[in-house]
Each structure stands twice: as structure tokens, then as C-alpha cells.
């Protein structure tokens, strides 16, 4: 059972297609593609976020406190089978520094643990026990349930001289607050435009000079952007619209519970772009 922990800064930028293509030329000079970008293609990431009944974790996060935390389940398969590997992660941010600790399970094992606290048999290593202890504390602290599905296609790069320096580009960021399972395919509403890319600079120290210079040249500026946060704000706007307290129809992409899945998907695809 693999374990992953790290600490880093994550800086986000929203790029137009022109900016993305121009920056990519420079990226290839200093960075290599992630091993999962086979043949230069991007790969899918599929996430299930957990929260309280009143969405306490994401509401707190959007207030930009010095400390925040979240729990998510991540898969690189869609739809995921019960025997497929998934990653249960606690992600924390303290004064701008991101830490992540995660355990690798099967989808079936993750369901058993989250719902019944049944841990896998293989817990021989100390770090495994330690991370599960942290997960236990999290689950004891919050009455969590699946609240948000988010998937996207990612291209990732690592520095040729510094493998700890990572750059990712995400497209087709898809969200839904129904059918909350990784065992279902990816569908829902898009939260950035088709001609945009969300870039994340993931670094332990300072940003490389070549990247800083290129970002300045292309007029690419840092933004505050949370995929889960953006999806949640979209959900609230749609809810207010349905209640008659919000009147901008361009921001409404919701559907009643009686709407069929294909109808709902078409409706969201046509009107579900909500820029941050």
C-alpha cells in the first residue's frame, strides 16, 4: 500500500489558449512531461470531495483562513471498479503552504473505511498507522459525506534540473453535486471555458527565473482559484436563482431532480460555464 506525503506552495493561473500555447514552447525547454502523459497526451483525474451536511469545510475554505483542510478521494480511472486503486487524501493549507498525506486503497476498501472505519489488513508500517490515525481524527471531527464530484484532464511536467518543481495544466474541469460516486463516468458542468487552461505551479522554494520572466512577458497573472470552491459558488448561485433571489439566467445551469441525466448534462454543457 503506497503512501505519499509532501509540503509545497501551489500558485494558480488561468490561461487563454494563446497564452497556454506560447508558454508551452518555453516549458519544453526546461521541463519533461510526466510519465503518465503517454505520447504527449493528458490524463484524467477524478475526485470525490467530502464535507459536512452544511458544507462547513468549503464555506470555511472560501473565507481564506490561515488554516484549512479538506478530505477527498482520487482516482485515475473512470469509472472506477471496486478493485481499482484510489487515493484517500487529507490536504491542508497553512499560511499558503500546502501539505498532503494520503493512503492508497482499492475503491471497495475506501468505502469500507469511510462508512464503517474498517481498515485494510496491511498496516505494518508506522507511517501507514500514523496517516490512518490522522484520518480517524478527521472523521471524528466532522460528520462527512460525499458532496462534490470534480474531474479534469491534466498535462503535467517536471523540472529537468529540479524534479520537485512541477507544472500542471488542467482542462475540461467538470463538476456535479449529484451521482456522487467514482464508480460512475465523468459528466456534469464545465467550470472554465473550453479555450482556457488552469495552470498550477507546484514548488518547494522560489519560482524559476525563466518561468517568472515568461509569465510577465505573456501577461499571465496569479489568481485565487479553487475547483471545489468554484463549483460550490456555482451551486449557491444556481440555488438562489431557483429560489427567485438571483436573476442572471446565464449563470443558471441547474436542473430539477426530475430532469433526466442526458437532459441535465445537455443543459449544463450549454449554460454551465461559470468563470471565477
C-alpha atoms as a PDB file:
ATOM      1  CA  UNK A   1       0.000   0.000   0.000  1.00  0.00           C
ATOM      2  CA  UNK A   2       1.735   3.172  -1.212  1.00  0.00           C
ATOM      3  CA  UNK A   3       1.958   6.286   0.940  1.00  0.00           C
ATOM      4  CA  UNK A   4       2.550   9.815  -0.280  1.00  0.00           C
ATOM      5  CA  UNK A   5       3.313  12.923   1.763  1.00  0.00           C
ATOM      6  CA  UNK A   6       4.654  16.316   0.746  1.00  0.00           C
ATOM      7  CA  UNK A   7       4.792  20.030   1.540  1.00  0.00           C
ATOM      8  CA  UNK A   8       4.846  22.769  -1.102  1.00  0.00           C
ATOM      9  CA  UNK A   9       3.422  26.014  -2.441  1.00  0.00           C
ATOM     10  CA  UNK A  10       0.737  25.889  -5.131  1.00  0.00           C
ATOM     11  CA  UNK A  11       0.316  29.008  -7.272  1.00  0.00           C
ATOM     12  CA  UNK A  12      -2.527  29.154  -9.796  1.00  0.00           C
ATOM     13  CA  UNK A  13      -3.019  30.971 -13.101  1.00  0.00           C
ATOM     14  CA  UNK A  14      -5.878  30.957 -15.629  1.00  0.00           C
ATOM     15  CA  UNK A  15      -4.552  30.999 -19.197  1.00  0.00           C
ATOM     16  CA  UNK A  16      -6.124  31.704 -22.550  1.00  0.00           C
ATOM     17  CA  UNK A  17      -5.321  29.251 -25.331  1.00  0.00           C
ATOM     18  CA  UNK A  18      -2.897  31.764 -26.872  1.00  0.00           C
ATOM     19  CA  UNK A  19      -1.045  32.181 -23.574  1.00  0.00           C
ATOM     20  CA  UNK A  20      -1.019  28.433 -22.996  1.00  0.00           C
ATOM     21  CA  UNK A  21       0.453  27.609 -26.404  1.00  0.00           C
ATOM     22  CA  UNK A  22       3.102  30.323 -26.130  1.00  0.00           C
ATOM     23  CA  UNK A  23       4.135  29.245 -22.638  1.00  0.00           C
ATOM     24  CA  UNK A  24       4.273  25.581 -23.614  1.00  0.00           C
ATOM     25  CA  UNK A  25       7.110  26.301 -26.063  1.00  0.00           C
ATOM     26  CA  UNK A  26       9.229  27.572 -23.153  1.00  0.00           C
ATOM     27  CA  UNK A  27       8.117  24.799 -20.810  1.00  0.00           C
ATOM     28  CA  UNK A  28       9.509  22.108 -23.107  1.00  0.00           C
ATOM     29  CA  UNK A  29      12.960  23.715 -22.905  1.00  0.00           C
ATOM     30  CA  UNK A  30      13.227  23.326 -19.147  1.00  0.00           C
ATOM     31  CA  UNK A  31      10.815  20.551 -18.202  1.00  0.00           C
ATOM     32  CA  UNK A  32       9.951  16.959 -19.096  1.00  0.00           C
ATOM     33  CA  UNK A  33       6.431  15.524 -19.366  1.00  0.00           C
ATOM     34  CA  UNK A  34       5.041  13.482 -16.517  1.00  0.00           C
ATOM     35  CA  UNK A  35       5.446   9.728 -17.040  1.00  0.00           C
ATOM     36  CA  UNK A  36       1.650   9.451 -17.165  1.00  0.00           C
ATOM     37  CA  UNK A  37       1.445  11.810 -20.176  1.00  0.00           C
ATOM     38  CA  UNK A  38       1.989   8.937 -22.577  1.00  0.00           C
ATOM     39  CA  UNK A  39       2.735  10.117 -26.107  1.00  0.00           C
ATOM     40  CA  UNK A  40       2.269  13.724 -25.044  1.00  0.00           C
ATOM     41  CA  UNK A  41      -1.386  13.170 -24.139  1.00  0.00           C
ATOM     42  CA  UNK A  42      -3.005  14.381 -20.935  1.00  0.00           C
ATOM     43  CA  UNK A  43      -4.633  12.062 -18.417  1.00  0.00           C
ATOM     44  CA  UNK A  44      -7.799  12.072 -16.354  1.00  0.00           C
ATOM     45  CA  UNK A  45      -8.111  12.804 -12.643  1.00  0.00           C
ATOM     46  CA  UNK A  46     -11.399  12.046 -10.891  1.00  0.00           C
ATOM     47  CA  UNK A  47     -12.163  13.335  -7.383  1.00  0.00           C
ATOM     48  CA  UNK A  48     -14.855  12.982  -4.766  1.00  0.00           C
ATOM     49  CA  UNK A  49     -14.835  15.671  -2.054  1.00  0.00           C
ATOM     50  CA  UNK A  50     -16.331  15.066   1.373  1.00  0.00           C
ATOM     51  CA  UNK A  51     -17.977  17.711   3.520  1.00  0.00           C
ATOM     52  CA  UNK A  52     -20.471  18.189   6.328  1.00  0.00           C
ATOM     53  CA  UNK A  53     -24.246  18.449   5.741  1.00  0.00           C
ATOM     54  CA  UNK A  54     -23.984  22.252   5.907  1.00  0.00           C
ATOM     55  CA  UNK A  55     -20.821  22.396   3.705  1.00  0.00           C
ATOM     56  CA  UNK A  56     -18.734  23.682   6.602  1.00  0.00           C
ATOM     57  CA  UNK A  57     -15.346  22.737   5.132  1.00  0.00           C
ATOM     58  CA  UNK A  58     -15.760  24.517   1.797  1.00  0.00           C
ATOM     59  CA  UNK A  59     -17.525  27.531   3.354  1.00  0.00           C
ATOM     60  CA  UNK A  60     -14.634  27.911   5.780  1.00  0.00           C
ATOM     61  CA  UNK A  61     -12.104  27.483   2.978  1.00  0.00           C
ATOM     62  CA  UNK A  62     -13.705  30.259   0.916  1.00  0.00           C
ATOM     63  CA  UNK A  63     -13.224  32.668   3.822  1.00  0.00           C
ATOM     64  CA  UNK A  64      -9.458  32.265   3.214  1.00  0.00           C
ATOM     65  CA  UNK A  65      -8.387  31.396   6.771  1.00  0.00           C
ATOM     66  CA  UNK A  66      -4.744  30.852   7.648  1.00  0.00           C
ATOM     67  CA  UNK A  67      -5.523  27.175   8.206  1.00  0.00           C
ATOM     68  CA  UNK A  68      -7.896  25.000   6.209  1.00  0.00           C
ATOM     69  CA  UNK A  69      -8.270  21.326   5.422  1.00  0.00           C
ATOM     70  CA  UNK A  70     -10.263  19.029   3.172  1.00  0.00           C
ATOM     71  CA  UNK A  71     -10.763  15.350   2.501  1.00  0.00           C
ATOM     72  CA  UNK A  72     -11.014  13.867  -0.959  1.00  0.00           C
ATOM     73  CA  UNK A  73     -10.915  10.530  -2.720  1.00  0.00           C
ATOM     74  CA  UNK A  74      -8.991  10.479  -6.003  1.00  0.00           C
ATOM     75  CA  UNK A  75      -8.924   8.001  -8.869  1.00  0.00           C
ATOM     76  CA  UNK A  76      -7.124   7.862 -12.194  1.00  0.00           C
ATOM     77  CA  UNK A  77      -9.777   5.522 -13.638  1.00  0.00           C
ATOM     78  CA  UNK A  78     -13.271   6.448 -14.780  1.00  0.00           C
ATOM     79  CA  UNK A  79     -15.474   4.749 -13.987  1.00  0.00           C
ATOM     80  CA  UNK A  80     -13.507   3.095 -11.182  1.00  0.00           C
ATOM     81  CA  UNK A  81     -14.109  -0.568 -10.382  1.00  0.00           C
ATOM     82  CA  UNK A  82     -14.219  -1.837  -6.766  1.00  0.00           C
ATOM     83  CA  UNK A  83     -10.722  -3.338  -7.192  1.00  0.00           C
ATOM     84  CA  UNK A  84      -9.145  -0.207  -8.748  1.00  0.00           C
ATOM     85  CA  UNK A  85      -6.657   1.809  -6.718  1.00  0.00           C
ATOM     86  CA  UNK A  86      -7.815   5.131  -5.262  1.00  0.00           C
ATOM     87  CA  UNK A  87      -6.121   7.661  -3.002  1.00  0.00           C
ATOM     88  CA  UNK A  88      -7.727   8.948   0.180  1.00  0.00           C
ATOM     89  CA  UNK A  89      -6.131  12.300   0.940  1.00  0.00           C
ATOM     90  CA  UNK A  90      -6.101  14.877   3.697  1.00  0.00           C
ATOM     91  CA  UNK A  91      -4.985  18.160   2.176  1.00  0.00           C
ATOM     92  CA  UNK A  92      -4.147  21.084   4.456  1.00  0.00           C
ATOM     93  CA  UNK A  93      -3.048  24.646   3.782  1.00  0.00           C
ATOM     94  CA  UNK A  94      -1.296  26.667   6.487  1.00  0.00           C
ATOM     95  CA  UNK A  95      -0.203  30.234   5.677  1.00  0.00           C
ATOM     96  CA  UNK A  96      -0.008  29.398   1.981  1.00  0.00           C
ATOM     97  CA  UNK A  97       1.949  26.137   2.407  1.00  0.00           C
ATOM     98  CA  UNK A  98       0.154  23.008   1.210  1.00  0.00           C
ATOM     99  CA  UNK A  99       0.671  19.627   2.823  1.00  0.00           C
ATOM    100  CA  UNK A 100      -0.895  16.405   1.631  1.00  0.00           C
ATOM    101  CA  UNK A 101      -0.925  12.982   3.237  1.00  0.00           C
ATOM    102  CA  UNK A 102      -2.617  10.076   1.549  1.00  0.00           C
ATOM    103  CA  UNK A 103      -3.067   6.340   1.617  1.00  0.00           C
ATOM    104  CA  UNK A 104      -3.630   4.047  -1.335  1.00  0.00           C
ATOM    105  CA  UNK A 105      -6.642   1.747  -1.157  1.00  0.00           C
ATOM    106  CA  UNK A 106      -8.990  -0.014  -3.507  1.00  0.00           C
ATOM    107  CA  UNK A 107     -12.319   1.695  -4.098  1.00  0.00           C
ATOM    108  CA  UNK A 108     -14.014  -1.056  -2.108  1.00  0.00           C
ATOM    109  CA  UNK A 109     -11.562  -0.592   0.793  1.00  0.00           C
ATOM    110  CA  UNK A 110     -12.113   3.173   0.801  1.00  0.00           C
ATOM    111  CA  UNK A 111     -15.882   2.679   1.048  1.00  0.00           C
ATOM    112  CA  UNK A 112     -15.429   0.215   3.915  1.00  0.00           C
ATOM    113  CA  UNK A 113     -13.155   2.602   5.791  1.00  0.00           C
ATOM    114  CA  UNK A 114     -15.170   5.801   5.315  1.00  0.00           C
ATOM    115  CA  UNK A 115     -18.524   4.194   6.072  1.00  0.00           C
ATOM    116  CA  UNK A 116     -17.539   1.600   8.676  1.00  0.00           C
ATOM    117  CA  UNK A 117     -13.976   2.553   9.760  1.00  0.00           C
ATOM    118  CA  UNK A 118     -12.798  -0.832   8.556  1.00  0.00           C
ATOM    119  CA  UNK A 119      -9.066  -0.516   7.810  1.00  0.00           C
ATOM    120  CA  UNK A 120      -7.065  -2.668   5.387  1.00  0.00           C
ATOM    121  CA  UNK A 121      -5.201  -5.620   6.873  1.00  0.00           C
ATOM    122  CA  UNK A 122      -1.774  -4.349   5.720  1.00  0.00           C
ATOM    123  CA  UNK A 123      -0.907  -1.688   8.301  1.00  0.00           C
ATOM    124  CA  UNK A 124       2.544  -2.969   9.220  1.00  0.00           C
ATOM    125  CA  UNK A 125       4.432   0.288   8.585  1.00  0.00           C
ATOM    126  CA  UNK A 126       4.399   3.088  11.138  1.00  0.00           C
ATOM    127  CA  UNK A 127       3.617   5.788   8.548  1.00  0.00           C
ATOM    128  CA  UNK A 128       0.527   3.867   7.448  1.00  0.00           C
ATOM    129  CA  UNK A 129      -0.767   3.735  11.014  1.00  0.00           C
ATOM    130  CA  UNK A 130       0.060   7.414  11.516  1.00  0.00           C
ATOM    131  CA  UNK A 131      -1.873   8.606   8.461  1.00  0.00           C
ATOM    132  CA  UNK A 132      -4.864   6.432   9.335  1.00  0.00           C
ATOM    133  CA  UNK A 133      -4.748   7.941  12.837  1.00  0.00           C
ATOM    134  CA  UNK A 134      -4.986  11.399  11.226  1.00  0.00           C
ATOM    135  CA  UNK A 135      -7.856  10.215   9.047  1.00  0.00           C
ATOM    136  CA  UNK A 136      -9.613   8.845  12.138  1.00  0.00           C
ATOM    137  CA  UNK A 137      -9.308  12.230  13.846  1.00  0.00           C
ATOM    138  CA  UNK A 138     -10.688  13.982  10.770  1.00  0.00           C
ATOM    139  CA  UNK A 139     -13.674  11.638  10.580  1.00  0.00           C
ATOM    140  CA  UNK A 140     -14.273  12.019  14.321  1.00  0.00           C
ATOM    141  CA  UNK A 141     -14.237  15.808  13.933  1.00  0.00           C
ATOM    142  CA  UNK A 142     -16.632  16.149  11.003  1.00  0.00           C
ATOM    143  CA  UNK A 143     -19.841  14.258  10.101  1.00  0.00           C
ATOM    144  CA  UNK A 144     -18.762  13.990   6.474  1.00  0.00           C
ATOM    145  CA  UNK A 145     -20.469  12.596   3.388  1.00  0.00           C
ATOM    146  CA  UNK A 146     -19.736  12.818  -0.370  1.00  0.00           C
ATOM    147  CA  UNK A 147     -20.709  16.332  -1.502  1.00  0.00           C
ATOM    148  CA  UNK A 148     -18.892  17.200  -4.731  1.00  0.00           C
ATOM    149  CA  UNK A 149     -17.557  15.385  -7.795  1.00  0.00           C
ATOM    150  CA  UNK A 150     -14.808  17.079  -9.824  1.00  0.00           C
ATOM    151  CA  UNK A 151     -12.805  15.678 -12.730  1.00  0.00           C
ATOM    152  CA  UNK A 152     -10.403  17.151 -15.266  1.00  0.00           C
ATOM    153  CA  UNK A 153      -7.835  16.323 -17.908  1.00  0.00           C
ATOM    154  CA  UNK A 154      -4.257  17.157 -16.894  1.00  0.00           C
ATOM    155  CA  UNK A 155      -0.921  17.689 -18.605  1.00  0.00           C
ATOM    156  CA  UNK A 156       1.962  17.646 -16.122  1.00  0.00           C
ATOM    157  CA  UNK A 157       5.656  18.497 -16.301  1.00  0.00           C
ATOM    158  CA  UNK A 158       8.680  18.108 -14.014  1.00  0.00           C
ATOM    159  CA  UNK A 159      11.796  20.288 -13.993  1.00  0.00           C
ATOM    160  CA  UNK A 160      14.771  18.746 -15.808  1.00  0.00           C
ATOM    161  CA  UNK A 161      17.176  20.050 -13.159  1.00  0.00           C
ATOM    162  CA  UNK A 162      14.714  20.051 -10.256  1.00  0.00           C
ATOM    163  CA  UNK A 163      12.256  17.129 -10.165  1.00  0.00           C
ATOM    164  CA  UNK A 164      10.498  18.720  -7.175  1.00  0.00           C
ATOM    165  CA  UNK A 165       9.397  21.594  -9.409  1.00  0.00           C
ATOM    166  CA  UNK A 166       6.115  20.653 -11.055  1.00  0.00           C
ATOM    167  CA  UNK A 167       3.812  22.403 -13.510  1.00  0.00           C
ATOM    168  CA  UNK A 168       0.308  21.217 -14.399  1.00  0.00           C
ATOM    169  CA  UNK A 169      -2.300  22.354 -16.924  1.00  0.00           C
ATOM    170  CA  UNK A 170      -5.932  21.339 -16.384  1.00  0.00           C
ATOM    171  CA  UNK A 171      -8.758  21.493 -18.907  1.00  0.00           C
ATOM    172  CA  UNK A 172     -12.324  20.227 -19.102  1.00  0.00           C
ATOM    173  CA  UNK A 173     -12.856  20.774 -15.364  1.00  0.00           C
ATOM    174  CA  UNK A 174     -16.174  19.036 -14.757  1.00  0.00           C
ATOM    175  CA  UNK A 175     -18.324  19.218 -11.633  1.00  0.00           C
ATOM    176  CA  UNK A 176     -21.554  17.782 -10.316  1.00  0.00           C
ATOM    177  CA  UNK A 177     -23.299  17.554  -6.954  1.00  0.00           C
ATOM    178  CA  UNK A 178     -25.376  14.503  -7.845  1.00  0.00           C
ATOM    179  CA  UNK A 179     -24.416  10.893  -8.664  1.00  0.00           C
ATOM    180  CA  UNK A 180     -21.577  11.202  -6.153  1.00  0.00           C
ATOM    181  CA  UNK A 181     -19.504   8.124  -6.861  1.00  0.00           C
ATOM    182  CA  UNK A 182     -16.195   7.392  -8.580  1.00  0.00           C
ATOM    183  CA  UNK A 183     -17.783   4.215  -9.928  1.00  0.00           C
ATOM    184  CA  UNK A 184     -19.765   6.385 -12.389  1.00  0.00           C
ATOM    185  CA  UNK A 185     -18.350   8.054 -15.538  1.00  0.00           C
ATOM    186  CA  UNK A 186     -17.309  11.695 -15.727  1.00  0.00           C
ATOM    187  CA  UNK A 187     -20.132  14.068 -16.691  1.00  0.00           C
ATOM    188  CA  UNK A 188     -21.547  17.354 -15.450  1.00  0.00           C
ATOM    189  CA  UNK A 189     -20.960  21.092 -15.929  1.00  0.00           C
ATOM    190  CA  UNK A 190     -17.748  22.779 -17.046  1.00  0.00           C
ATOM    191  CA  UNK A 191     -16.385  25.466 -14.712  1.00  0.00           C
ATOM    192  CA  UNK A 192     -13.839  27.041 -17.052  1.00  0.00           C
ATOM    193  CA  UNK A 193     -14.265  27.793 -20.749  1.00  0.00           C
ATOM    194  CA  UNK A 194     -13.108  25.231 -23.361  1.00  0.00           C
ATOM    195  CA  UNK A 195     -10.368  27.605 -24.560  1.00  0.00           C
ATOM    196  CA  UNK A 196      -8.905  28.087 -21.070  1.00  0.00           C
ATOM    197  CA  UNK A 197      -6.307  26.163 -19.064  1.00  0.00           C
ATOM    198  CA  UNK A 198      -5.847  26.253 -15.313  1.00  0.00           C
ATOM    199  CA  UNK A 199      -2.123  26.205 -14.578  1.00  0.00           C
ATOM    200  CA  UNK A 200      -0.668  25.303 -11.186  1.00  0.00           C
ATOM    201  CA  UNK A 201       2.954  25.943 -10.251  1.00  0.00           C
ATOM    202  CA  UNK A 202       3.920  23.494  -7.515  1.00  0.00           C
ATOM    203  CA  UNK A 203       7.189  24.416  -5.835  1.00  0.00           C
ATOM    204  CA  UNK A 204       9.001  23.882  -2.556  1.00  0.00           C
ATOM    205  CA  UNK A 205      11.054  27.084  -2.900  1.00  0.00           C
ATOM    206  CA  UNK A 206      11.253  30.013  -5.317  1.00  0.00           C
ATOM    207  CA  UNK A 207       9.784  30.042  -8.831  1.00  0.00           C
ATOM    208  CA  UNK A 208      12.436  29.561 -11.552  1.00  0.00           C
ATOM    209  CA  UNK A 209      13.585  32.793 -13.186  1.00  0.00           C
ATOM    210  CA  UNK A 210      12.772  31.618 -16.723  1.00  0.00           C
ATOM    211  CA  UNK A 211       9.157  30.972 -15.720  1.00  0.00           C
ATOM    212  CA  UNK A 212       8.767  34.311 -13.917  1.00  0.00           C
ATOM    213  CA  UNK A 213      10.091  36.148 -16.960  1.00  0.00           C
ATOM    214  CA  UNK A 214       7.821  34.280 -19.379  1.00  0.00           C
ATOM    215  CA  UNK A 215       4.727  34.831 -17.239  1.00  0.00           C
ATOM    216  CA  UNK A 216       5.474  38.559 -17.156  1.00  0.00           C
ATOM    217  CA  UNK A 217       6.059  38.658 -20.911  1.00  0.00           C
ATOM    218  CA  UNK A 218       2.770  36.889 -21.639  1.00  0.00           C
ATOM    219  CA  UNK A 219       0.853  38.942 -19.045  1.00  0.00           C
ATOM    220  CA  UNK A 220      -0.144  35.831 -17.095  1.00  0.00           C
ATOM    221  CA  UNK A 221      -1.092  36.785 -13.552  1.00  0.00           C
ATOM    222  CA  UNK A 222      -1.659  34.809 -10.373  1.00  0.00           C
ATOM    223  CA  UNK A 223      -5.260  34.183  -9.338  1.00  0.00           C
ATOM    224  CA  UNK A 224      -7.068  32.666  -6.388  1.00  0.00           C
ATOM    225  CA  UNK A 225      -8.901  29.610  -7.693  1.00  0.00           C
ATOM    226  CA  UNK A 226     -10.317  26.526  -6.009  1.00  0.00           C
ATOM    227  CA  UNK A 227     -12.004  23.879  -8.145  1.00  0.00           C
ATOM    228  CA  UNK A 228     -14.228  22.789  -5.276  1.00  0.00           C
ATOM    229  CA  UNK A 229     -14.785  26.400  -4.224  1.00  0.00           C
ATOM    230  CA  UNK A 230     -15.761  27.488  -7.731  1.00  0.00           C
ATOM    231  CA  UNK A 231     -18.154  24.544  -8.060  1.00  0.00           C
ATOM    232  CA  UNK A 232     -19.705  25.350  -4.681  1.00  0.00           C
ATOM    233  CA  UNK A 233     -20.207  29.033  -5.535  1.00  0.00           C
ATOM    234  CA  UNK A 234     -21.824  27.960  -8.787  1.00  0.00           C
ATOM    235  CA  UNK A 235     -24.151  25.662  -6.820  1.00  0.00           C
ATOM    236  CA  UNK A 236     -25.159  28.520  -4.496  1.00  0.00           C
ATOM    237  CA  UNK A 237     -25.849  30.891  -7.404  1.00  0.00           C
ATOM    238  CA  UNK A 238     -28.000  28.267  -9.079  1.00  0.00           C
ATOM    239  CA  UNK A 239     -29.856  27.637  -5.828  1.00  0.00           C
ATOM    240  CA  UNK A 240     -30.548  31.355  -5.363  1.00  0.00           C
ATOM    241  CA  UNK A 241     -31.784  31.574  -8.944  1.00  0.00           C
ATOM    242  CA  UNK A 242     -34.206  28.702  -8.408  1.00  0.00           C
ATOM    243  CA  UNK A 243     -35.479  30.446  -5.270  1.00  0.00           C
ATOM    244  CA  UNK A 244     -36.047  33.664  -7.231  1.00  0.00           C
ATOM    245  CA  UNK A 245     -33.311  35.572  -5.428  1.00  0.00           C
ATOM    246  CA  UNK A 246     -30.893  35.651  -8.377  1.00  0.00           C
ATOM    247  CA  UNK A 247     -31.925  36.750 -11.874  1.00  0.00           C
ATOM    248  CA  UNK A 248     -28.941  36.295 -14.195  1.00  0.00           C
ATOM    249  CA  UNK A 249     -30.010  33.356 -16.365  1.00  0.00           C
ATOM    250  CA  UNK A 250     -26.518  32.986 -17.843  1.00  0.00           C
ATOM    251  CA  UNK A 251     -25.305  31.706 -14.502  1.00  0.00           C
ATOM    252  CA  UNK A 252     -28.121  29.206 -14.066  1.00  0.00           C
ATOM    253  CA  UNK A 253     -27.276  25.690 -15.176  1.00  0.00           C
ATOM    254  CA  UNK A 254     -29.111  23.632 -12.594  1.00  0.00           C
ATOM    255  CA  UNK A 255     -31.908  21.207 -13.155  1.00  0.00           C
ATOM    256  CA  UNK A 256     -34.741  19.799 -11.083  1.00  0.00           C
ATOM    257  CA  UNK A 257     -34.435  16.360  -9.590  1.00  0.00           C
ATOM    258  CA  UNK A 258     -36.966  15.141 -12.150  1.00  0.00           C
ATOM    259  CA  UNK A 259     -34.714  16.035 -15.088  1.00  0.00           C
ATOM    260  CA  UNK A 260     -33.213  13.019 -16.794  1.00  0.00           C
ATOM    261  CA  UNK A 261     -29.432  12.625 -16.805  1.00  0.00           C
ATOM    262  CA  UNK A 262     -28.982  13.282 -20.594  1.00  0.00           C
ATOM    263  CA  UNK A 263     -31.218  16.372 -20.397  1.00  0.00           C
ATOM    264  CA  UNK A 264     -29.356  17.599 -17.343  1.00  0.00           C
ATOM    265  CA  UNK A 265     -25.976  17.057 -18.994  1.00  0.00           C
ATOM    266  CA  UNK A 266     -27.036  18.888 -22.162  1.00  0.00           C
ATOM    267  CA  UNK A 267     -28.436  21.775 -20.181  1.00  0.00           C
ATOM    268  CA  UNK A 268     -25.296  22.087 -18.073  1.00  0.00           C
ATOM    269  CA  UNK A 269     -22.995  21.839 -21.051  1.00  0.00           C
ATOM    270  CA  UNK A 270     -24.844  24.624 -22.851  1.00  0.00           C
ATOM    271  CA  UNK A 271     -25.091  27.099 -19.977  1.00  0.00           C
ATOM    272  CA  UNK A 272     -22.858  25.860 -17.204  1.00  0.00           C
ATOM    273  CA  UNK A 273     -19.721  27.954 -17.781  1.00  0.00           C
ATOM    274  CA  UNK A 274     -19.070  29.984 -14.657  1.00  0.00           C
ATOM    275  CA  UNK A 275     -15.807  31.855 -14.690  1.00  0.00           C
ATOM    276  CA  UNK A 276     -14.116  32.602 -11.354  1.00  0.00           C
END
